[in-house]
Amino acid sequence: MSGSRSLSTLLRRGVEADAYVGAAAAVGDADGGLAVDCVGFEDERGGDPVTRETRFDVASLTKPVVTTTVCARLLERDTVQLWAPLAEYVPPLEGTARGEIPLRDLLCHTSGLPPYKSFPFGWESPEALRESLYTSHLGLLADPGEWFVYSDLNFVHLADALARAAGESLSSLASAHVFDPLGMERASLGPLEATSDVAATRDHRWRNERLRGEIHDYIGAVLGAESGNAGLFATIEDLTPVARMLLGDGALDGSRVLSASTVRRLTSNQTPDADRPHGLGWRLPHDGSPSGPWSERSFGHTGFTGTSIWIDPDAGRFAILLTNHLLTGESSTELSNVRAKFHAAVADGGDELLSND
């Protein structure tokens, strides 16, 4: 069985289990080996098939791919400082507990900020959301650096700080520091004006409607391209250079995007005193996630729409999965099973999945 057909078999299991309507995946290595396959449809069954040109709402992959990379590039240019308090860049938070949070703890989810659901909803405009963000009484669950609590609010605040420090929109920063250097030709922060070749999702929670080119995440939808926690639309081939760059210690095809020392900081444990290991913007292995024999030095992230990226520098290999999981419903059991089998298959026998073309 060729690498392409093996990968296709893994993806079709998800369609058969109703985990998603369509999906694209890539498995690659440090030597340039690459297998890419697509199955299913962008929208309803029988509609346009998923191809390498299909753009997916990658949800929380936005955090490491866009916002973390922008932050890393600005750190290397001394535009921001890792240990600087948030209020240094976001004056409306001066004198608040949130204003004292170092940028580092936003990247590590050790800020003490509560989960997403603790923030009030119902804004009518970006201005109203930001006003709510500054004035809401969001108490910290712990002192910065003490606990790991995953919260989208970390990256909403971080994106605000980066844009203010650089004097540019997050969308502009993403183009200059991520999309252009990595050759991500079809990637952009939503919402999208052109919705052809876009995988649909469905918001079962707030809008109860099918979304195509609109950001699924609620804060991301209101803030458009500026939320930092979600909003990236990308093809499977847009994301492969991200993984290749990180496997290359920050270099891609002879061009340096990040320094090797920056990559080590992003992908090594920055939370030794917390109850969960985490890098700067990147998740680290814990409690059997991801499934399969990924090394302790591996790192990655997942997204609410059924996406994931995982990279293993010891094995010199990466795996990327993009789906439109939310078109089928909110239950994640089927998706979790498919994603676990995908990760395990890549870790156990990734060489067999790689294309010999």
Protein backbone atom coordinates (compact mmCIF):
# COMPACT_ATOMS: atom_id res chain seq x y z
CA MET A 1 0.00 0.00 0.00
CA SER A 2 1.48 3.36 -0.97
CA GLY A 3 1.94 6.12 1.60
CA SER A 4 -0.88 8.16 0.07
CA ARG A 5 -3.40 5.30 0.19
CA SER A 6 -2.41 4.44 3.78
CA LEU A 7 -3.05 8.00 4.87
CA SER A 8 -6.34 8.03 2.98
CA THR A 9 -7.44 4.90 4.85
CA LEU A 10 -6.86 6.64 8.18
CA LEU A 11 -8.83 9.69 7.09
CA ARG A 12 -11.76 7.73 5.69
CA ARG A 13 -12.29 6.09 9.06
CA GLY A 14 -13.26 9.51 10.37
CA VAL A 15 -15.83 10.02 7.60
CA GLU A 16 -17.28 6.57 8.23
CA ALA A 17 -17.49 7.32 11.99
CA ASP A 18 -19.23 10.66 11.29
CA ALA A 19 -16.40 12.51 13.01
CA TYR A 20 -16.26 14.95 10.10
CA VAL A 21 -17.55 15.45 6.58
CA GLY A 22 -14.14 16.17 5.09
CA ALA A 23 -10.49 16.21 6.09
CA ALA A 24 -6.96 16.79 4.88
CA ALA A 25 -3.78 15.47 6.45
CA ALA A 26 -0.05 15.67 5.99
CA VAL A 27 2.80 13.55 7.33
CA GLY A 28 6.34 14.71 6.69
CA ASP A 29 9.90 14.34 7.84
CA ALA A 30 13.03 16.44 8.20
CA ASP A 31 14.48 15.03 4.97
CA GLY A 32 11.68 16.38 2.79
CA GLY A 33 9.49 13.28 2.68
CA LEU A 34 5.83 14.23 2.53
CA ALA A 35 2.48 12.51 2.19
CA VAL A 36 -0.66 14.61 1.77
CA ASP A 37 -4.17 13.25 1.32
CA CYS A 38 -7.71 14.58 1.37
CA VAL A 39 -11.07 12.86 1.80
CA GLY A 40 -14.72 13.79 1.94
CA PHE A 41 -16.38 17.09 1.16
CA GLU A 42 -16.09 20.74 2.07
CA ASP A 43 -19.76 20.97 2.94
CA GLU A 44 -22.65 18.51 2.49
CA ARG A 45 -21.95 15.01 1.24
CA GLY A 46 -21.95 15.12 -2.53
CA GLY A 47 -20.72 18.73 -2.58
CA ASP A 48 -17.25 19.96 -3.52
CA PRO A 49 -14.56 17.49 -2.47
CA VAL A 50 -11.79 18.49 -0.09
CA THR A 51 -8.54 19.14 -1.97
CA ARG A 52 -5.11 20.53 -1.17
CA GLU A 53 -6.58 23.95 -1.99
CA THR A 54 -9.34 23.71 0.63
CA ARG A 55 -8.99 26.26 3.42
CA PHE A 56 -10.02 25.14 6.90
CA ASP A 57 -10.89 27.18 9.97
CA VAL A 58 -8.05 25.78 12.08
CA ALA A 59 -9.39 27.27 15.35
CA SER A 60 -6.81 27.16 18.17
CA LEU A 61 -3.94 26.26 15.86
CA THR A 62 -4.01 30.03 15.39
CA LYS A 63 -2.40 30.36 18.82
CA PRO A 64 0.95 28.66 18.08
CA VAL A 65 1.09 29.16 14.32
CA VAL A 66 0.21 32.86 14.16
CA THR A 67 0.17 34.62 17.52
CA THR A 68 3.11 32.74 19.06
CA THR A 69 5.25 33.12 15.94
CA VAL A 70 4.48 36.84 15.72
CA CYS A 71 5.36 37.19 19.40
CA ALA A 72 8.62 35.28 18.91
CA ARG A 73 9.65 37.49 16.01
CA LEU A 74 8.83 40.64 17.99
CA LEU A 75 10.81 39.30 20.96
CA GLU A 76 13.82 38.78 18.71
CA ARG A 77 13.48 42.41 17.59
CA ASP A 78 13.08 43.71 21.17
CA THR A 79 9.67 45.13 20.27
CA VAL A 80 8.25 43.30 23.29
CA GLN A 81 9.81 41.72 26.35
CA LEU A 82 8.84 38.28 27.63
CA TRP A 83 8.70 39.29 31.30
CA ALA A 84 7.12 42.70 30.74
CA PRO A 85 3.72 43.17 32.41
CA LEU A 86 0.69 43.26 30.15
CA ALA A 87 -0.18 46.84 31.18
CA GLU A 88 3.11 48.06 29.70
CA TYR A 89 1.56 47.46 26.28
CA VAL A 90 -2.16 47.72 27.12
CA PRO A 91 -2.64 50.95 29.11
CA PRO A 92 -6.36 50.33 29.87
CA LEU A 93 -5.23 47.50 32.18
CA GLU A 94 -2.93 49.72 34.24
CA GLY A 95 -3.61 49.26 37.94
CA THR A 96 -5.45 45.94 37.52
CA ALA A 97 -4.36 42.44 38.47
CA ARG A 98 -4.44 41.47 34.82
CA GLY A 99 -2.12 44.34 33.99
CA GLU A 100 0.58 42.72 36.15
CA ILE A 101 0.59 39.46 34.16
CA PRO A 102 3.89 38.94 32.28
CA LEU A 103 3.53 38.14 28.57
CA ARG A 104 5.32 34.87 29.27
CA ASP A 105 2.45 33.62 31.42
CA LEU A 106 -0.07 34.42 28.68
CA LEU A 107 1.91 32.19 26.30
CA CYS A 108 2.11 29.39 28.89
CA HIS A 109 -1.53 29.61 30.11
CA THR A 110 -0.17 30.23 33.60
CA SER A 111 -1.54 33.77 33.88
CA GLY A 112 -4.28 32.83 36.34
CA LEU A 113 -6.95 34.06 33.93
CA PRO A 114 -10.14 31.97 34.07
CA PRO A 115 -11.35 29.84 31.14
CA TYR A 116 -13.16 31.32 28.19
CA LYS A 117 -16.62 30.60 29.63
CA SER A 118 -16.03 32.99 32.54
CA PHE A 119 -16.08 35.97 30.17
CA PRO A 120 -19.49 37.53 29.43
CA PHE A 121 -20.99 37.20 25.93
CA GLY A 122 -23.36 39.23 23.81
CA TRP A 123 -21.27 42.02 22.30
CA GLU A 124 -22.50 43.85 19.22
CA SER A 125 -19.17 45.21 17.99
CA PRO A 126 -15.40 44.83 18.41
CA GLU A 127 -15.38 48.07 20.38
CA ALA A 128 -17.98 46.73 22.80
CA LEU A 129 -16.05 43.50 23.24
CA ARG A 130 -12.77 45.30 23.96
CA GLU A 131 -14.49 47.63 26.41
CA SER A 132 -15.90 44.58 28.17
CA LEU A 133 -12.47 42.95 28.12
CA TYR A 134 -10.90 45.94 29.87
CA THR A 135 -13.66 46.69 32.36
CA SER A 136 -15.02 43.24 33.27
CA HIS A 137 -14.18 42.02 36.74
CA LEU A 138 -12.09 39.02 35.74
CA GLY A 139 -10.46 37.87 38.93
CA LEU A 140 -7.33 35.73 38.66
CA LEU A 141 -7.67 32.12 39.80
CA ALA A 142 -4.07 32.12 41.00
CA ASP A 143 -0.95 34.25 40.93
CA PRO A 144 0.81 34.26 37.55
CA GLY A 145 3.12 31.28 37.14
CA GLU A 146 1.37 29.17 39.77
CA TRP A 147 -1.29 27.13 37.91
CA PHE A 148 -1.86 25.97 34.37
CA VAL A 149 -5.38 26.94 33.27
CA TYR A 150 -6.00 26.82 29.53
CA SER A 151 -7.85 29.98 28.50
CA ASP A 152 -8.41 31.67 25.16
CA LEU A 153 -8.35 34.96 27.05
CA ASN A 154 -4.58 34.60 27.37
CA PHE A 155 -4.15 34.92 23.62
CA VAL A 156 -6.81 37.58 23.20
CA HIS A 157 -4.83 39.76 25.62
CA LEU A 158 -1.51 38.75 24.04
CA ALA A 159 -2.67 39.67 20.54
CA ASP A 160 -3.83 43.05 21.82
CA ALA A 161 -0.43 43.66 23.41
CA LEU A 162 1.49 42.65 20.27
CA ALA A 163 -0.57 44.86 17.98
CA ARG A 164 -0.23 47.87 20.29
CA ALA A 165 3.52 47.36 20.76
CA ALA A 166 4.16 47.07 17.03
CA GLY A 167 1.65 49.73 16.01
CA GLU A 168 0.12 47.35 13.46
CA SER A 169 -2.90 45.07 13.26
CA LEU A 170 -2.46 41.40 14.05
CA SER A 171 -3.46 40.67 10.45
CA SER A 172 -0.62 42.82 9.16
CA LEU A 173 1.82 41.28 11.62
CA ALA A 174 0.73 37.78 10.58
CA SER A 175 1.44 38.55 6.93
CA ALA A 176 4.84 40.08 7.65
CA HIS A 177 6.09 37.58 10.23
CA VAL A 178 4.33 34.31 9.39
CA PHE A 179 2.59 34.00 6.03
CA ASP A 180 5.18 35.73 3.83
CA PRO A 181 8.36 34.24 5.41
CA LEU A 182 6.87 30.73 5.36
CA GLY A 183 5.27 30.95 1.91
CA MET A 184 1.75 30.33 3.27
CA GLU A 185 0.14 31.54 0.07
CA ARG A 186 -3.52 30.82 0.84
CA ALA A 187 -3.45 31.44 4.57
CA SER A 188 -5.22 34.45 6.07
CA LEU A 189 -7.02 35.57 9.17
CA GLY A 190 -10.78 35.57 8.73
CA PRO A 191 -13.45 36.35 7.99
CA LEU A 192 -12.89 35.50 4.34
CA GLU A 193 -14.35 37.54 1.51
CA ALA A 194 -14.16 34.69 -1.01
CA THR A 195 -15.66 31.46 0.29
CA SER A 196 -14.90 29.08 -2.55
CA ASP A 197 -12.58 26.25 -1.53
CA VAL A 198 -13.48 26.74 2.16
CA ALA A 199 -14.55 23.90 4.42
CA ALA A 200 -17.80 24.66 6.24
CA THR A 201 -18.34 24.31 9.97
CA ARG A 202 -21.44 24.82 12.05
CA ASP A 203 -21.94 26.88 15.19
CA HIS A 204 -24.22 24.76 17.36
CA ARG A 205 -23.78 27.00 20.38
CA TRP A 206 -24.25 30.72 19.67
CA ARG A 207 -25.52 31.26 16.11
CA ASN A 208 -26.92 27.82 15.22
CA GLU A 209 -26.01 28.19 11.59
CA ARG A 210 -23.60 26.85 9.01
CA LEU A 211 -20.43 28.92 8.67
CA ARG A 212 -18.31 29.20 5.56
CA GLY A 213 -15.47 31.67 5.73
CA GLU A 214 -16.76 33.01 9.04
CA ILE A 215 -14.74 32.38 12.19
CA HIS A 216 -16.30 29.68 14.34
CA ASP A 217 -14.90 30.95 17.65
CA TYR A 218 -17.22 33.55 19.17
CA ILE A 219 -14.61 36.09 20.33
CA GLY A 220 -12.74 35.57 17.06
CA ALA A 221 -15.94 36.20 15.10
CA VAL A 222 -16.55 39.52 16.86
CA LEU A 223 -12.94 40.73 16.71
CA GLY A 224 -12.40 39.47 13.17
CA ALA A 225 -8.71 39.06 12.40
CA GLU A 226 -7.53 40.49 15.72
CA SER A 227 -8.41 38.03 18.48
CA GLY A 228 -5.20 35.94 18.49
CA ASN A 229 -6.88 32.84 19.90
CA ALA A 230 -8.58 31.68 16.67
CA GLY A 231 -9.39 32.90 13.17
CA LEU A 232 -6.71 31.39 10.93
CA PHE A 233 -7.91 29.83 7.68
CA ALA A 234 -5.28 27.69 5.97
CA THR A 235 -4.81 24.77 3.61
CA ILE A 236 -2.96 21.62 4.56
CA GLU A 237 -0.03 22.77 2.42
CA ASP A 238 0.04 26.16 4.16
CA LEU A 239 0.81 24.43 7.45
CA THR A 240 3.52 22.02 6.30
CA PRO A 241 6.22 24.76 6.08
CA VAL A 242 5.43 25.71 9.69
CA ALA A 243 6.31 22.20 10.80
CA ARG A 244 9.35 22.00 8.51
CA MET A 245 10.67 25.32 9.84
CA LEU A 246 10.39 24.16 13.44
CA LEU A 247 12.02 20.82 12.60
CA GLY A 248 14.78 22.87 10.98
CA ASP A 249 15.49 24.81 14.21
CA GLY A 250 13.90 27.94 12.77
CA ALA A 251 15.22 27.72 9.21
CA LEU A 252 13.23 26.88 6.08
CA ASP A 253 14.81 26.18 2.70
CA GLY A 254 17.92 28.14 3.61
CA SER A 255 16.07 31.14 5.06
CA ARG A 256 15.99 31.80 8.78
CA VAL A 257 12.58 32.59 10.23
CA LEU A 258 13.39 32.15 13.93
CA SER A 259 16.67 31.63 15.75
CA ALA A 260 17.46 28.13 16.96
CA SER A 261 17.49 29.39 20.56
CA THR A 262 14.02 30.88 20.12
CA VAL A 263 12.67 27.56 18.81
CA ARG A 264 14.15 25.78 21.84
CA ARG A 265 12.42 28.23 24.17
CA LEU A 266 9.09 27.88 22.38
CA THR A 267 9.14 24.11 22.50
CA SER A 268 10.71 23.27 25.87
CA ASN A 269 8.98 23.13 29.23
CA GLN A 270 8.50 26.64 30.61
CA THR A 271 6.20 25.60 33.46
CA PRO A 272 8.25 23.28 35.71
CA ASP A 273 6.48 24.55 38.83
CA ALA A 274 2.96 24.19 37.41
CA ASP A 275 0.91 21.01 37.26
CA ARG A 276 1.29 20.60 33.51
CA PRO A 277 4.23 21.04 31.13
CA HIS A 278 3.86 23.70 28.46
CA GLY A 279 6.11 25.59 26.08
CA LEU A 280 5.72 29.17 24.92
CA GLY A 281 2.51 28.84 22.92
CA TRP A 282 3.09 25.14 22.18
CA ARG A 283 1.70 22.16 24.10
CA LEU A 284 4.00 19.41 25.32
CA PRO A 285 3.20 15.69 25.78
CA HIS A 286 1.26 14.84 28.93
CA ASP A 287 -1.02 12.11 30.24
CA GLY A 288 -0.77 10.01 27.08
CA SER A 289 -1.48 12.88 24.68
CA PRO A 290 -0.70 12.59 21.86
CA SER A 291 -1.25 8.87 21.54
CA GLY A 292 1.62 6.75 20.34
CA PRO A 293 5.36 6.83 21.06
CA TRP A 294 6.01 10.53 20.46
CA SER A 295 9.20 11.65 22.18
CA GLU A 296 9.34 13.83 25.27
CA ARG A 297 10.69 16.63 23.08
CA SER A 298 7.67 16.59 20.78
CA PHE A 299 5.21 19.48 20.79
CA GLY A 300 1.99 20.50 19.09
CA HIS A 301 -1.54 21.82 19.49
CA THR A 302 -5.14 20.95 18.72
CA GLY A 303 -8.14 22.98 17.57
CA PHE A 304 -11.86 22.90 18.38
CA THR A 305 -12.84 22.36 14.74
CA GLY A 306 -11.05 19.00 14.73
CA THR A 307 -7.55 20.12 13.81
CA SER A 308 -4.12 19.24 15.14
CA ILE A 309 -0.44 19.64 14.46
CA TRP A 310 2.25 17.60 16.20
CA ILE A 311 6.00 17.76 15.64
CA ASP A 312 8.75 15.46 16.92
CA PRO A 313 12.34 16.71 16.53
CA ASP A 314 13.77 13.44 17.84
CA ALA A 315 12.01 11.41 15.15
CA GLY A 316 12.33 14.23 12.60
CA ARG A 317 8.64 13.91 11.77
CA PHE A 318 5.39 15.87 11.87
CA ALA A 319 1.68 15.17 11.49
CA ILE A 320 -1.07 17.64 10.62
CA LEU A 321 -4.80 16.96 10.55
CA LEU A 322 -7.48 19.41 9.38
CA THR A 323 -11.20 18.60 9.53
CA ASN A 324 -14.61 20.28 9.52
CA HIS A 325 -15.66 18.27 12.57
CA LEU A 326 -18.28 20.77 13.78
CA LEU A 327 -20.42 20.36 10.68
CA THR A 328 -21.49 16.99 12.11
CA GLY A 329 -22.24 18.05 15.69
CA GLU A 330 -20.58 18.89 18.96
CA SER A 331 -19.72 15.41 20.25
CA SER A 332 -15.96 14.95 20.20
CA THR A 333 -15.81 11.23 21.04
CA GLU A 334 -15.57 10.06 17.44
CA LEU A 335 -13.08 12.77 16.57
CA SER A 336 -10.94 11.99 19.61
CA ASN A 337 -10.79 8.34 18.58
CA VAL A 338 -9.86 9.15 14.99
CA ARG A 339 -7.27 11.71 16.02
CA ALA A 340 -5.74 9.30 18.52
CA LYS A 341 -5.44 6.59 15.84
CA PHE A 342 -3.94 9.09 13.42
CA HIS A 343 -1.31 10.27 15.89
CA ALA A 344 -0.50 6.70 16.93
CA ALA A 345 -0.15 5.56 13.33
CA VAL A 346 2.25 8.39 12.53
CA ALA A 347 4.32 7.78 15.64
CA ASP A 348 4.38 3.99 15.16
CA GLY A 349 4.93 3.81 11.43
CA GLY A 350 5.26 7.25 9.94
CA ASP A 351 7.81 6.06 7.39
CA GLU A 352 5.17 3.79 5.83
CA LEU A 353 2.82 6.75 5.40
CA LEU A 354 5.33 8.92 3.59
CA SER A 355 4.96 9.19 -0.16
CA ASN A 356 7.64 7.72 -2.36
CA ASP A 357 6.62 9.98 -5.25
